[in-house]
Amino acid sequence: MRLPFAIWLLFTTTHAPLSQRSIDRCAQDGAWFYAMNDDPGQPIQVERDGVTIRIERPDSKSADAVLNFSKGNHVLVQKHKDFEAAQGWLAVSSSGAFATTWKENASSAESQLFRVTSDSEIVEDTELIPLAEKTFAVDARRICKTPAANTTAIKWIDKDHLLLSINAWSSGFCYSNFTEGFILSLPKREIERKLPESELINLPAVCTWNLVPVKSR
């Protein structure tokens, strides 16, 4: 079976040496927002492609938060302890599924994946992202005995496929910036493809920015 040209193009990679670039996210692929407010008593709300996230902190002296994910008339409420995310990223699929990434700082990130059921209910998928992180850990242990998984949901390649980037940089134990990419298939409930960093960073679907080397004094 031949893949449609658009999908083939997204999955095609080059074999050029890894350049000094870093993976970024583009404005057309999702919404960046601050997940922390100077005034903890004020809720934070963001909307993208029909999905709304609202973050509330009932106790301004606590890091605990209540997250409301809504689409249409359906709402999923989650209570998060020690929710110290400073930035959020929301990427929505045309199928209604969506993914979030929460960042505390430049090198710490965790992601969540949500699906919409046939009854239009919002449910968190607690299997696919952990599957990718488990697969990543097996590979990362070749370089580091106890790698951390900093997971970023980059974008939806199409309505059914989510592209992740996972790295172990600045984990407290690993000092090499080991990174892999994963294309998750929601219908098949599996990892469609695993990508080394050299392939991930050269996917036509991925936005990057150039790293400027710091000159030694």
N, C-alpha and C. Protein backbone atom coordinates (compact mmCIF):
# COMPACT_ATOMS: atom_id res chain seq x y z
N MET A 1 0.85 -1.20 0.00
CA MET A 1 0.00 0.00 0.00
C MET A 1 0.88 1.25 0.00
N ARG A 2 0.65 2.17 -0.93
CA ARG A 2 1.45 3.37 -1.01
C ARG A 2 0.84 4.46 -0.15
N LEU A 3 1.69 5.17 0.60
CA LEU A 3 1.21 6.27 1.41
C LEU A 3 0.90 7.47 0.53
N PRO A 4 -0.11 8.29 0.91
CA PRO A 4 -0.35 9.53 0.18
C PRO A 4 0.91 10.39 0.22
N PHE A 5 1.07 11.22 -0.83
CA PHE A 5 2.31 11.98 -0.95
C PHE A 5 2.57 12.85 0.27
N ALA A 6 1.52 13.50 0.83
CA ALA A 6 1.73 14.40 1.97
C ALA A 6 2.28 13.65 3.17
N ILE A 7 1.74 12.44 3.42
CA ILE A 7 2.23 11.65 4.55
C ILE A 7 3.64 11.17 4.27
N TRP A 8 3.89 10.75 3.02
CA TRP A 8 5.25 10.31 2.65
C TRP A 8 6.25 11.42 2.87
N LEU A 9 5.87 12.67 2.50
CA LEU A 9 6.78 13.79 2.65
C LEU A 9 7.09 14.06 4.11
N LEU A 10 6.09 13.95 4.96
CA LEU A 10 6.30 14.18 6.38
C LEU A 10 7.20 13.12 6.99
N PHE A 11 7.11 11.89 6.50
CA PHE A 11 7.88 10.79 7.06
C PHE A 11 9.27 10.68 6.41
N THR A 12 9.51 11.41 5.31
CA THR A 12 10.80 11.33 4.64
C THR A 12 11.80 12.20 5.35
N THR A 13 13.01 11.70 5.56
CA THR A 13 14.04 12.46 6.25
C THR A 13 15.30 12.49 5.41
N THR A 14 16.16 13.42 5.76
CA THR A 14 17.44 13.51 5.07
C THR A 14 18.50 12.82 5.90
N HIS A 15 19.65 12.61 5.31
CA HIS A 15 20.75 11.97 6.02
C HIS A 15 21.91 12.94 6.22
N ALA A 16 21.60 14.23 6.21
CA ALA A 16 22.64 15.23 6.43
C ALA A 16 23.10 15.17 7.88
N PRO A 17 24.36 15.56 8.15
CA PRO A 17 24.86 15.57 9.53
C PRO A 17 24.00 16.49 10.39
N LEU A 18 23.88 16.16 11.67
CA LEU A 18 23.08 16.94 12.59
C LEU A 18 23.68 18.33 12.74
N SER A 19 22.93 19.36 12.39
CA SER A 19 23.43 20.72 12.48
C SER A 19 23.10 21.31 13.84
N GLN A 20 23.63 22.49 14.08
CA GLN A 20 23.40 23.15 15.36
C GLN A 20 22.03 23.83 15.36
N ARG A 21 21.02 23.03 15.46
CA ARG A 21 19.65 23.53 15.50
C ARG A 21 18.90 22.90 16.66
N SER A 22 17.87 23.60 17.10
CA SER A 22 17.03 23.07 18.17
C SER A 22 15.59 23.04 17.69
N ILE A 23 14.85 22.05 18.15
CA ILE A 23 13.45 21.90 17.75
C ILE A 23 12.60 22.96 18.44
N ASP A 24 11.72 23.57 17.69
CA ASP A 24 10.84 24.61 18.22
C ASP A 24 9.41 24.27 17.84
N ARG A 25 8.47 25.07 18.31
CA ARG A 25 7.08 24.92 17.91
C ARG A 25 6.61 26.18 17.21
N CYS A 26 5.82 26.01 16.16
CA CYS A 26 5.37 27.13 15.35
C CYS A 26 3.99 27.60 15.79
N ALA A 27 3.74 28.89 15.59
CA ALA A 27 2.46 29.47 16.02
C ALA A 27 1.27 28.79 15.35
N GLN A 28 1.46 28.31 14.13
CA GLN A 28 0.33 27.68 13.43
C GLN A 28 0.01 26.29 13.98
N ASP A 29 0.91 25.74 14.78
CA ASP A 29 0.73 24.37 15.27
C ASP A 29 0.07 24.28 16.64
N GLY A 30 -0.05 25.40 17.34
CA GLY A 30 -0.62 25.35 18.68
C GLY A 30 -0.60 26.71 19.33
N ALA A 31 -0.80 26.73 20.65
CA ALA A 31 -0.86 27.99 21.38
C ALA A 31 0.06 27.94 22.60
N TRP A 32 1.00 28.89 22.66
CA TRP A 32 1.82 29.09 23.85
C TRP A 32 1.03 29.94 24.84
N PHE A 33 1.18 29.68 26.13
CA PHE A 33 0.55 30.56 27.12
C PHE A 33 1.27 30.42 28.45
N TYR A 34 1.17 31.47 29.26
CA TYR A 34 1.73 31.41 30.61
C TYR A 34 0.80 30.60 31.50
N ALA A 35 1.35 29.61 32.19
CA ALA A 35 0.55 28.75 33.05
C ALA A 35 0.65 29.19 34.51
N MET A 36 1.34 30.29 34.75
CA MET A 36 1.50 30.81 36.10
C MET A 36 1.28 32.32 36.06
N ASN A 37 0.55 32.82 37.04
CA ASN A 37 0.20 34.23 37.08
C ASN A 37 0.88 34.89 38.28
N ASP A 38 1.25 36.16 38.12
CA ASP A 38 1.82 36.89 39.25
C ASP A 38 0.85 36.94 40.42
N ASP A 39 -0.43 36.95 40.10
CA ASP A 39 -1.47 36.90 41.12
C ASP A 39 -2.10 35.51 41.10
N PRO A 40 -1.71 34.61 42.01
CA PRO A 40 -2.23 33.23 41.97
C PRO A 40 -3.74 33.15 42.10
N GLY A 41 -4.37 34.19 42.62
CA GLY A 41 -5.82 34.17 42.78
C GLY A 41 -6.56 34.38 41.48
N GLN A 42 -5.86 34.84 40.44
CA GLN A 42 -6.49 35.07 39.14
C GLN A 42 -6.37 33.83 38.26
N PRO A 43 -7.47 33.31 37.74
CA PRO A 43 -7.40 32.12 36.86
C PRO A 43 -6.73 32.46 35.54
N ILE A 44 -6.19 31.43 34.90
CA ILE A 44 -5.56 31.56 33.58
C ILE A 44 -6.39 30.76 32.59
N GLN A 45 -6.68 31.34 31.45
CA GLN A 45 -7.50 30.63 30.47
C GLN A 45 -6.95 30.84 29.06
N VAL A 46 -6.93 29.76 28.27
CA VAL A 46 -6.48 29.83 26.89
C VAL A 46 -7.43 28.99 26.04
N GLU A 47 -7.65 29.43 24.80
CA GLU A 47 -8.52 28.70 23.87
C GLU A 47 -7.81 28.53 22.55
N ARG A 48 -7.92 27.32 21.99
CA ARG A 48 -7.33 27.05 20.68
C ARG A 48 -8.17 26.01 19.96
N ASP A 49 -8.66 26.35 18.79
CA ASP A 49 -9.38 25.42 17.92
C ASP A 49 -10.50 24.68 18.66
N GLY A 50 -11.25 25.42 19.47
CA GLY A 50 -12.42 24.84 20.14
C GLY A 50 -12.14 24.20 21.47
N VAL A 51 -10.87 24.12 21.88
CA VAL A 51 -10.51 23.54 23.17
C VAL A 51 -10.10 24.68 24.11
N THR A 52 -10.63 24.66 25.33
CA THR A 52 -10.31 25.69 26.33
C THR A 52 -9.69 25.04 27.55
N ILE A 53 -8.61 25.65 28.04
CA ILE A 53 -7.98 25.22 29.29
C ILE A 53 -8.09 26.37 30.28
N ARG A 54 -8.55 26.05 31.47
CA ARG A 54 -8.65 27.05 32.55
C ARG A 54 -7.91 26.52 33.77
N ILE A 55 -6.98 27.31 34.28
CA ILE A 55 -6.17 26.92 35.43
C ILE A 55 -6.55 27.79 36.62
N GLU A 56 -6.94 27.16 37.71
CA GLU A 56 -7.32 27.89 38.92
C GLU A 56 -6.50 27.37 40.10
N ARG A 57 -6.16 28.26 40.99
CA ARG A 57 -5.42 27.89 42.20
C ARG A 57 -6.27 28.32 43.40
N PRO A 58 -7.03 27.37 43.97
CA PRO A 58 -7.94 27.69 45.08
C PRO A 58 -7.23 28.32 46.27
N ASP A 59 -6.00 27.90 46.54
CA ASP A 59 -5.23 28.43 47.66
C ASP A 59 -4.00 29.14 47.10
N SER A 60 -3.97 30.45 47.22
CA SER A 60 -2.88 31.23 46.63
C SER A 60 -1.53 30.91 47.27
N LYS A 61 -1.54 30.30 48.44
CA LYS A 61 -0.29 29.96 49.12
C LYS A 61 0.19 28.55 48.79
N SER A 62 -0.58 27.84 47.95
CA SER A 62 -0.25 26.46 47.59
C SER A 62 0.04 26.37 46.10
N ALA A 63 0.86 25.39 45.71
CA ALA A 63 1.14 25.16 44.29
C ALA A 63 0.09 24.26 43.65
N ASP A 64 -0.87 23.78 44.44
CA ASP A 64 -1.92 22.91 43.89
C ASP A 64 -2.81 23.70 42.94
N ALA A 65 -3.31 23.02 41.91
CA ALA A 65 -4.14 23.70 40.92
C ALA A 65 -5.27 22.80 40.44
N VAL A 66 -6.34 23.42 39.97
CA VAL A 66 -7.45 22.72 39.34
C VAL A 66 -7.45 23.10 37.86
N LEU A 67 -7.38 22.08 37.00
CA LEU A 67 -7.36 22.31 35.56
C LEU A 67 -8.67 21.86 34.96
N ASN A 68 -9.29 22.75 34.20
CA ASN A 68 -10.53 22.43 33.49
C ASN A 68 -10.23 22.41 31.99
N PHE A 69 -10.47 21.25 31.37
CA PHE A 69 -10.32 21.10 29.92
C PHE A 69 -11.73 21.01 29.33
N SER A 70 -12.06 21.88 28.42
CA SER A 70 -13.42 21.87 27.88
C SER A 70 -13.43 21.94 26.36
N LYS A 71 -14.42 21.27 25.79
CA LYS A 71 -14.66 21.31 24.35
C LYS A 71 -16.16 21.21 24.16
N GLY A 72 -16.76 22.24 23.59
CA GLY A 72 -18.22 22.27 23.50
C GLY A 72 -18.81 22.34 24.89
N ASN A 73 -19.76 21.45 25.16
CA ASN A 73 -20.41 21.42 26.48
C ASN A 73 -19.79 20.42 27.42
N HIS A 74 -18.68 19.82 27.02
CA HIS A 74 -18.07 18.77 27.83
C HIS A 74 -16.80 19.28 28.52
N VAL A 75 -16.68 18.92 29.79
CA VAL A 75 -15.57 19.41 30.60
C VAL A 75 -14.92 18.24 31.35
N LEU A 76 -13.60 18.24 31.38
CA LEU A 76 -12.84 17.29 32.19
C LEU A 76 -12.08 18.11 33.23
N VAL A 77 -12.28 17.77 34.51
CA VAL A 77 -11.64 18.50 35.61
C VAL A 77 -10.57 17.61 36.23
N GLN A 78 -9.37 18.16 36.38
CA GLN A 78 -8.27 17.44 37.02
C GLN A 78 -7.69 18.30 38.14
N LYS A 79 -7.35 17.64 39.24
CA LYS A 79 -6.67 18.33 40.34
C LYS A 79 -5.21 17.91 40.34
N HIS A 80 -4.32 18.89 40.27
CA HIS A 80 -2.88 18.62 40.21
C HIS A 80 -2.20 19.17 41.46
N LYS A 81 -1.50 18.33 42.17
CA LYS A 81 -0.70 18.78 43.30
C LYS A 81 0.65 19.28 42.81
N ASP A 82 1.14 20.31 43.47
CA ASP A 82 2.46 20.87 43.12
C ASP A 82 2.56 21.18 41.63
N PHE A 83 1.56 21.85 41.11
CA PHE A 83 1.54 22.22 39.69
C PHE A 83 2.32 23.53 39.53
N GLU A 84 3.58 23.39 39.19
CA GLU A 84 4.47 24.55 39.13
C GLU A 84 4.85 24.93 37.71
N ALA A 85 4.05 24.51 36.75
CA ALA A 85 4.33 24.82 35.35
C ALA A 85 4.32 26.33 35.13
N ALA A 86 5.34 26.81 34.44
CA ALA A 86 5.42 28.24 34.14
C ALA A 86 4.84 28.55 32.76
N GLN A 87 4.96 27.58 31.84
CA GLN A 87 4.44 27.77 30.49
C GLN A 87 3.64 26.55 30.06
N GLY A 88 2.68 26.79 29.18
CA GLY A 88 1.89 25.70 28.63
C GLY A 88 1.89 25.76 27.11
N TRP A 89 1.65 24.63 26.49
CA TRP A 89 1.54 24.53 25.03
C TRP A 89 0.34 23.65 24.73
N LEU A 90 -0.57 24.11 23.91
CA LEU A 90 -1.78 23.38 23.55
C LEU A 90 -1.82 23.18 22.05
N ALA A 91 -1.89 21.91 21.62
CA ALA A 91 -1.97 21.58 20.20
C ALA A 91 -3.21 20.72 19.98
N VAL A 92 -4.07 21.11 19.05
CA VAL A 92 -5.36 20.47 18.85
C VAL A 92 -5.41 19.82 17.47
N SER A 93 -5.87 18.57 17.42
CA SER A 93 -6.04 17.85 16.16
C SER A 93 -7.40 18.18 15.55
N SER A 94 -7.50 18.06 14.24
CA SER A 94 -8.78 18.30 13.57
C SER A 94 -9.83 17.26 13.97
N SER A 95 -9.38 16.14 14.57
CA SER A 95 -10.32 15.13 15.05
C SER A 95 -10.91 15.51 16.40
N GLY A 96 -10.35 16.54 17.05
CA GLY A 96 -10.81 16.95 18.37
C GLY A 96 -9.87 16.53 19.49
N ALA A 97 -8.99 15.56 19.23
CA ALA A 97 -8.00 15.18 20.22
C ALA A 97 -7.04 16.36 20.44
N PHE A 98 -6.40 16.42 21.60
CA PHE A 98 -5.46 17.51 21.85
C PHE A 98 -4.39 17.07 22.83
N ALA A 99 -3.30 17.81 22.82
CA ALA A 99 -2.16 17.50 23.68
C ALA A 99 -1.68 18.77 24.35
N THR A 100 -1.20 18.63 25.59
CA THR A 100 -0.63 19.76 26.31
C THR A 100 0.80 19.44 26.71
N THR A 101 1.61 20.47 26.82
CA THR A 101 2.95 20.33 27.37
C THR A 101 3.12 21.38 28.44
N TRP A 102 3.60 20.95 29.60
CA TRP A 102 3.81 21.86 30.74
C TRP A 102 5.30 21.95 31.00
N LYS A 103 5.81 23.18 31.07
CA LYS A 103 7.24 23.41 31.28
C LYS A 103 7.46 24.22 32.57
N GLU A 104 8.33 23.69 33.43
CA GLU A 104 8.74 24.45 34.60
C GLU A 104 9.90 25.37 34.26
N ASN A 105 10.77 24.90 33.38
CA ASN A 105 11.93 25.68 32.97
C ASN A 105 12.35 25.20 31.59
N ALA A 106 13.52 25.65 31.14
CA ALA A 106 13.95 25.35 29.78
C ALA A 106 14.21 23.88 29.52
N SER A 107 14.46 23.11 30.57
CA SER A 107 14.85 21.71 30.35
C SER A 107 13.95 20.71 31.05
N SER A 108 12.81 21.15 31.54
CA SER A 108 11.88 20.23 32.21
C SER A 108 10.51 20.36 31.58
N ALA A 109 10.01 19.28 31.02
CA ALA A 109 8.71 19.32 30.34
C ALA A 109 7.98 17.99 30.49
N GLU A 110 6.69 18.06 30.66
CA GLU A 110 5.87 16.84 30.65
C GLU A 110 4.61 17.11 29.84
N SER A 111 4.09 16.06 29.20
CA SER A 111 2.97 16.22 28.28
C SER A 111 1.81 15.31 28.64
N GLN A 112 0.62 15.75 28.27
CA GLN A 112 -0.60 14.97 28.43
C GLN A 112 -1.31 14.88 27.08
N LEU A 113 -2.01 13.77 26.87
CA LEU A 113 -2.75 13.53 25.64
C LEU A 113 -4.20 13.27 25.99
N PHE A 114 -5.11 13.90 25.27
CA PHE A 114 -6.54 13.76 25.53
C PHE A 114 -7.26 13.36 24.25
N ARG A 115 -8.23 12.48 24.41
CA ARG A 115 -9.05 12.04 23.30
C ARG A 115 -10.50 12.45 23.55
N VAL A 116 -11.28 12.50 22.47
CA VAL A 116 -12.71 12.76 22.57
C VAL A 116 -13.43 11.50 22.15
N THR A 117 -14.27 10.96 23.02
CA THR A 117 -14.96 9.69 22.75
C THR A 117 -16.09 9.90 21.75
N SER A 118 -16.70 8.79 21.35
CA SER A 118 -17.82 8.86 20.41
C SER A 118 -19.00 9.61 21.00
N ASP A 119 -19.05 9.70 22.34
CA ASP A 119 -20.09 10.47 23.01
C ASP A 119 -19.66 11.91 23.28
N SER A 120 -18.51 12.30 22.68
CA SER A 120 -17.96 13.64 22.82
C SER A 120 -17.42 13.95 24.21
N GLU A 121 -17.21 12.90 25.01
CA GLU A 121 -16.61 13.10 26.33
C GLU A 121 -15.10 13.24 26.18
N ILE A 122 -14.49 14.04 27.05
CA ILE A 122 -13.04 14.22 27.04
C ILE A 122 -12.42 13.24 28.03
N VAL A 123 -11.45 12.45 27.58
CA VAL A 123 -10.77 11.50 28.45
C VAL A 123 -9.27 11.64 28.22
N GLU A 124 -8.49 11.48 29.29
CA GLU A 124 -7.03 11.51 29.13
C GLU A 124 -6.54 10.14 28.71
N ASP A 125 -5.70 10.12 27.70
CA ASP A 125 -5.04 8.89 27.26
C ASP A 125 -3.79 8.72 28.11
N THR A 126 -3.80 7.74 28.99
CA THR A 126 -2.69 7.55 29.93
C THR A 126 -1.75 6.42 29.49
N GLU A 127 -1.86 6.00 28.23
CA GLU A 127 -1.06 4.87 27.76
C GLU A 127 -0.01 5.25 26.71
N LEU A 128 -0.38 6.06 25.71
CA LEU A 128 0.51 6.27 24.57
C LEU A 128 1.77 7.05 24.93
N ILE A 129 1.63 8.17 25.62
CA ILE A 129 2.82 8.94 25.99
C ILE A 129 3.72 8.15 26.94
N PRO A 130 3.18 7.48 27.99
CA PRO A 130 4.04 6.64 28.82
C PRO A 130 4.73 5.53 28.04
N LEU A 131 4.07 5.00 27.00
CA LEU A 131 4.70 3.97 26.15
C LEU A 131 5.92 4.55 25.45
N ALA A 132 5.79 5.76 24.91
CA ALA A 132 6.92 6.41 24.25
C ALA A 132 8.04 6.69 25.26
N GLU A 133 7.68 7.13 26.45
CA GLU A 133 8.69 7.44 27.47
C GLU A 133 9.41 6.17 27.93
N LYS A 134 8.69 5.07 28.03
CA LYS A 134 9.31 3.81 28.41
C LYS A 134 10.29 3.34 27.33
N THR A 135 9.88 3.48 26.06
CA THR A 135 10.75 3.11 24.95
C THR A 135 12.00 3.99 24.93
N PHE A 136 11.79 5.28 25.18
CA PHE A 136 12.91 6.23 25.21
C PHE A 136 13.89 5.86 26.32
N ALA A 137 13.38 5.50 27.49
CA ALA A 137 14.24 5.20 28.64
C ALA A 137 15.17 4.03 28.33
N VAL A 138 14.65 3.02 27.61
CA VAL A 138 15.48 1.87 27.25
C VAL A 138 16.67 2.32 26.41
N ASP A 139 16.43 3.21 25.44
CA ASP A 139 17.51 3.70 24.59
C ASP A 139 18.44 4.64 25.35
N ALA A 140 17.86 5.50 26.18
CA ALA A 140 18.66 6.50 26.89
C ALA A 140 19.60 5.87 27.91
N ARG A 141 19.23 4.69 28.44
CA ARG A 141 20.08 4.04 29.44
C ARG A 141 21.40 3.55 28.85
N ARG A 142 21.49 3.52 27.54
CA ARG A 142 22.77 3.19 26.93
C ARG A 142 23.79 4.30 27.16
N ILE A 143 23.28 5.51 27.42
CA ILE A 143 24.13 6.67 27.64
C ILE A 143 24.15 7.08 29.10
N CYS A 144 23.02 6.91 29.75
CA CYS A 144 22.87 7.37 31.13
C CYS A 144 22.11 6.31 31.92
N LYS A 145 22.59 6.01 33.12
CA LYS A 145 21.99 4.93 33.91
C LYS A 145 20.58 5.28 34.37
N THR A 146 20.34 6.53 34.72
CA THR A 146 19.03 6.95 35.24
C THR A 146 18.54 8.19 34.49
N PRO A 147 18.11 8.04 33.25
CA PRO A 147 17.68 9.22 32.47
C PRO A 147 16.31 9.73 32.92
N ALA A 148 16.13 11.02 32.80
CA ALA A 148 14.81 11.62 32.99
C ALA A 148 14.17 11.79 31.62
N ALA A 149 12.86 11.88 31.59
CA ALA A 149 12.15 12.04 30.32
C ALA A 149 11.48 13.40 30.28
N ASN A 150 12.07 14.33 29.52
CA ASN A 150 11.46 15.63 29.30
C ASN A 150 10.69 15.54 27.98
N THR A 151 9.37 15.50 28.08
CA THR A 151 8.52 15.16 26.94
C THR A 151 7.77 16.37 26.41
N THR A 152 7.88 16.60 25.11
CA THR A 152 7.23 17.74 24.47
C THR A 152 6.34 17.25 23.33
N ALA A 153 5.07 17.65 23.35
CA ALA A 153 4.16 17.39 22.24
C ALA A 153 4.38 18.49 21.22
N ILE A 154 5.04 18.18 20.11
CA ILE A 154 5.41 19.22 19.15
C ILE A 154 4.22 19.68 18.32
N LYS A 155 3.54 18.71 17.66
CA LYS A 155 2.43 19.09 16.78
C LYS A 155 1.67 17.84 16.34
N TRP A 156 0.51 18.07 15.74
CA TRP A 156 -0.23 17.00 15.08
C TRP A 156 0.20 16.98 13.63
N ILE A 157 0.73 15.85 13.17
CA ILE A 157 1.12 15.71 11.77
C ILE A 157 -0.12 15.61 10.90
N ASP A 158 -1.12 14.90 11.39
CA ASP A 158 -2.44 14.89 10.77
C ASP A 158 -3.42 14.64 11.91
N LYS A 159 -4.67 14.38 11.61
CA LYS A 159 -5.68 14.30 12.66
C LYS A 159 -5.49 13.11 13.60
N ASP A 160 -4.70 12.11 13.18
CA ASP A 160 -4.54 10.89 13.97
C ASP A 160 -3.14 10.66 14.51
N HIS A 161 -2.16 11.51 14.14
CA HIS A 161 -0.77 11.25 14.49
C HIS A 161 -0.15 12.44 15.22
N LEU A 162 0.33 12.19 16.43
CA LEU A 162 0.96 13.20 17.26
C LEU A 162 2.47 13.00 17.27
N LEU A 163 3.21 14.10 17.07
CA LEU A 163 4.67 14.04 17.07
C LEU A 163 5.20 14.50 18.42
N LEU A 164 5.98 13.63 19.08
CA LEU A 164 6.60 13.94 20.37
C LEU A 164 8.10 14.07 20.20
N SER A 165 8.70 14.87 21.07
CA SER A 165 10.14 14.91 21.24
C SER A 165 10.43 14.62 22.71
N ILE A 166 11.33 13.68 22.97
CA ILE A 166 11.70 13.35 24.35
C ILE A 166 13.21 13.45 24.48
N ASN A 167 13.67 14.12 25.54
CA ASN A 167 15.11 14.19 25.74
C ASN A 167 15.46 14.06 27.22
N ALA A 168 16.73 13.75 27.47
CA ALA A 168 17.21 13.51 28.83
C ALA A 168 18.18 14.59 29.27
N TRP A 169 18.24 15.68 28.52
CA TRP A 169 19.19 16.73 28.85
C TRP A 169 18.87 17.38 30.19
N SER A 170 19.88 17.70 30.94
CA SER A 170 19.75 18.39 32.22
C SER A 170 18.80 17.67 33.16
N SER A 171 18.90 16.34 33.20
CA SER A 171 18.03 15.56 34.07
C SER A 171 18.58 15.48 35.49
N GLY A 172 19.78 16.00 35.69
CA GLY A 172 20.42 15.86 36.99
C GLY A 172 21.39 14.70 37.00
N PHE A 173 21.23 13.80 36.03
CA PHE A 173 22.08 12.62 35.95
C PHE A 173 22.74 12.50 34.58
N CYS A 174 22.04 12.98 33.55
CA CYS A 174 22.55 12.87 32.19
C CYS A 174 23.08 14.22 31.72
N TYR A 175 24.23 14.20 31.11
CA TYR A 175 24.80 15.44 30.63
C TYR A 175 24.90 15.47 29.11
N SER A 176 24.51 14.38 28.45
CA SER A 176 24.47 14.43 26.99
C SER A 176 23.03 14.69 26.59
N ASN A 177 22.85 15.54 25.57
CA ASN A 177 21.50 15.95 25.16
C ASN A 177 20.90 14.87 24.26
N PHE A 178 20.61 13.71 24.84
CA PHE A 178 20.06 12.59 24.07
C PHE A 178 18.59 12.84 23.79
N THR A 179 18.22 12.80 22.51
CA THR A 179 16.86 13.11 22.09
C THR A 179 16.36 12.10 21.08
N GLU A 180 15.08 11.75 21.19
CA GLU A 180 14.40 10.92 20.19
C GLU A 180 13.03 11.50 19.90
N GLY A 181 12.52 11.19 18.72
CA GLY A 181 11.18 11.60 18.35
C GLY A 181 10.27 10.38 18.23
N PHE A 182 8.99 10.59 18.45
CA PHE A 182 8.01 9.51 18.36
C PHE A 182 6.76 10.01 17.66
N ILE A 183 6.30 9.26 16.68
CA ILE A 183 5.02 9.54 16.03
C ILE A 183 4.01 8.54 16.59
N LEU A 184 3.02 9.07 17.32
CA LEU A 184 2.02 8.22 17.97
C LEU A 184 0.78 8.13 17.11
N SER A 185 0.27 6.91 16.93
CA SER A 185 -0.96 6.68 16.17
C SER A 185 -2.10 6.47 17.15
N LEU A 186 -3.07 7.38 17.17
CA LEU A 186 -4.21 7.21 18.08
C LEU A 186 -5.11 6.05 17.67
N PRO A 187 -5.46 5.89 16.36
CA PRO A 187 -6.34 4.78 16.00
C PRO A 187 -5.73 3.41 16.29
N LYS A 188 -4.41 3.26 16.04
CA LYS A 188 -3.75 1.96 16.23
C LYS A 188 -3.30 1.75 17.67
N ARG A 189 -3.30 2.84 18.48
CA ARG A 189 -2.88 2.76 19.88
C ARG A 189 -1.45 2.25 19.98
N GLU A 190 -0.56 2.83 19.17
CA GLU A 190 0.82 2.35 19.16
C GLU A 190 1.76 3.45 18.68
N ILE A 191 3.07 3.19 18.85
CA ILE A 191 4.09 4.06 18.29
C ILE A 191 4.21 3.74 16.80
N GLU A 192 3.85 4.70 15.97
CA GLU A 192 3.91 4.48 14.52
C GLU A 192 5.36 4.46 14.03
N ARG A 193 6.17 5.33 14.65
CA ARG A 193 7.56 5.40 14.22
C ARG A 193 8.40 6.06 15.30
N LYS A 194 9.63 5.56 15.48
CA LYS A 194 10.60 6.16 16.38
C LYS A 194 11.70 6.80 15.54
N LEU A 195 12.10 8.02 15.91
CA LEU A 195 13.05 8.77 15.11
C LEU A 195 14.26 9.17 15.95
N PRO A 196 15.48 8.91 15.46
CA PRO A 196 16.64 9.50 16.12
C PRO A 196 16.61 11.01 15.92
N GLU A 197 17.38 11.74 16.73
CA GLU A 197 17.32 13.20 16.66
C GLU A 197 17.67 13.73 15.27
N SER A 198 18.63 13.09 14.59
CA SER A 198 19.03 13.57 13.27
C SER A 198 17.87 13.51 12.27
N GLU A 199 16.99 12.54 12.43
CA GLU A 199 15.82 12.45 11.54
C GLU A 199 14.70 13.37 12.02
N LEU A 200 14.50 13.42 13.34
CA LEU A 200 13.45 14.27 13.89
C LEU A 200 13.65 15.72 13.50
N ILE A 201 14.87 16.20 13.63
CA ILE A 201 15.14 17.63 13.40
C ILE A 201 15.06 17.99 11.92
N ASN A 202 15.12 16.98 11.04
CA ASN A 202 15.05 17.24 9.60
C ASN A 202 13.70 16.90 8.99
N LEU A 203 12.71 16.54 9.80
CA LEU A 203 11.37 16.34 9.26
C LEU A 203 10.85 17.65 8.69
N PRO A 204 10.31 17.63 7.48
CA PRO A 204 9.75 18.87 6.93
C PRO A 204 8.66 19.47 7.81
N ALA A 205 8.02 18.64 8.65
CA ALA A 205 6.92 19.13 9.48
C ALA A 205 7.40 19.84 10.73
N VAL A 206 8.71 19.82 11.02
CA VAL A 206 9.22 20.33 12.28
C VAL A 206 9.88 21.69 12.09
N CYS A 207 9.54 22.62 12.95
CA CYS A 207 10.18 23.94 12.93
C CYS A 207 11.42 23.89 13.83
N THR A 208 12.46 24.58 13.41
CA THR A 208 13.70 24.62 14.21
C THR A 208 14.22 26.05 14.26
N TRP A 209 15.14 26.26 15.20
CA TRP A 209 15.85 27.53 15.24
C TRP A 209 17.33 27.25 15.45
N ASN A 210 18.15 28.14 14.92
CA ASN A 210 19.59 27.93 14.98
C ASN A 210 20.15 28.23 16.36
N LEU A 211 21.05 27.35 16.80
CA LEU A 211 21.74 27.59 18.05
C LEU A 211 22.98 28.44 17.79
N VAL A 212 23.14 29.46 18.58
CA VAL A 212 24.30 30.33 18.44
C VAL A 212 25.36 29.89 19.43
N PRO A 213 26.51 29.40 18.98
CA PRO A 213 27.54 28.93 19.92
C PRO A 213 28.08 30.09 20.75
N VAL A 214 28.35 29.80 22.01
CA VAL A 214 28.90 30.79 22.91
C VAL A 214 30.42 30.76 22.82
N LYS A 215 31.01 31.89 22.49
CA LYS A 215 32.45 31.95 22.35
C LYS A 215 33.11 31.99 23.73
N SER A 216 34.18 31.23 23.89
CA SER A 216 34.91 31.25 25.15
C SER A 216 35.67 32.55 25.28
N ARG A 217 35.71 33.08 26.49
CA ARG A 217 36.40 34.36 26.73
C ARG A 217 37.91 34.13 26.82
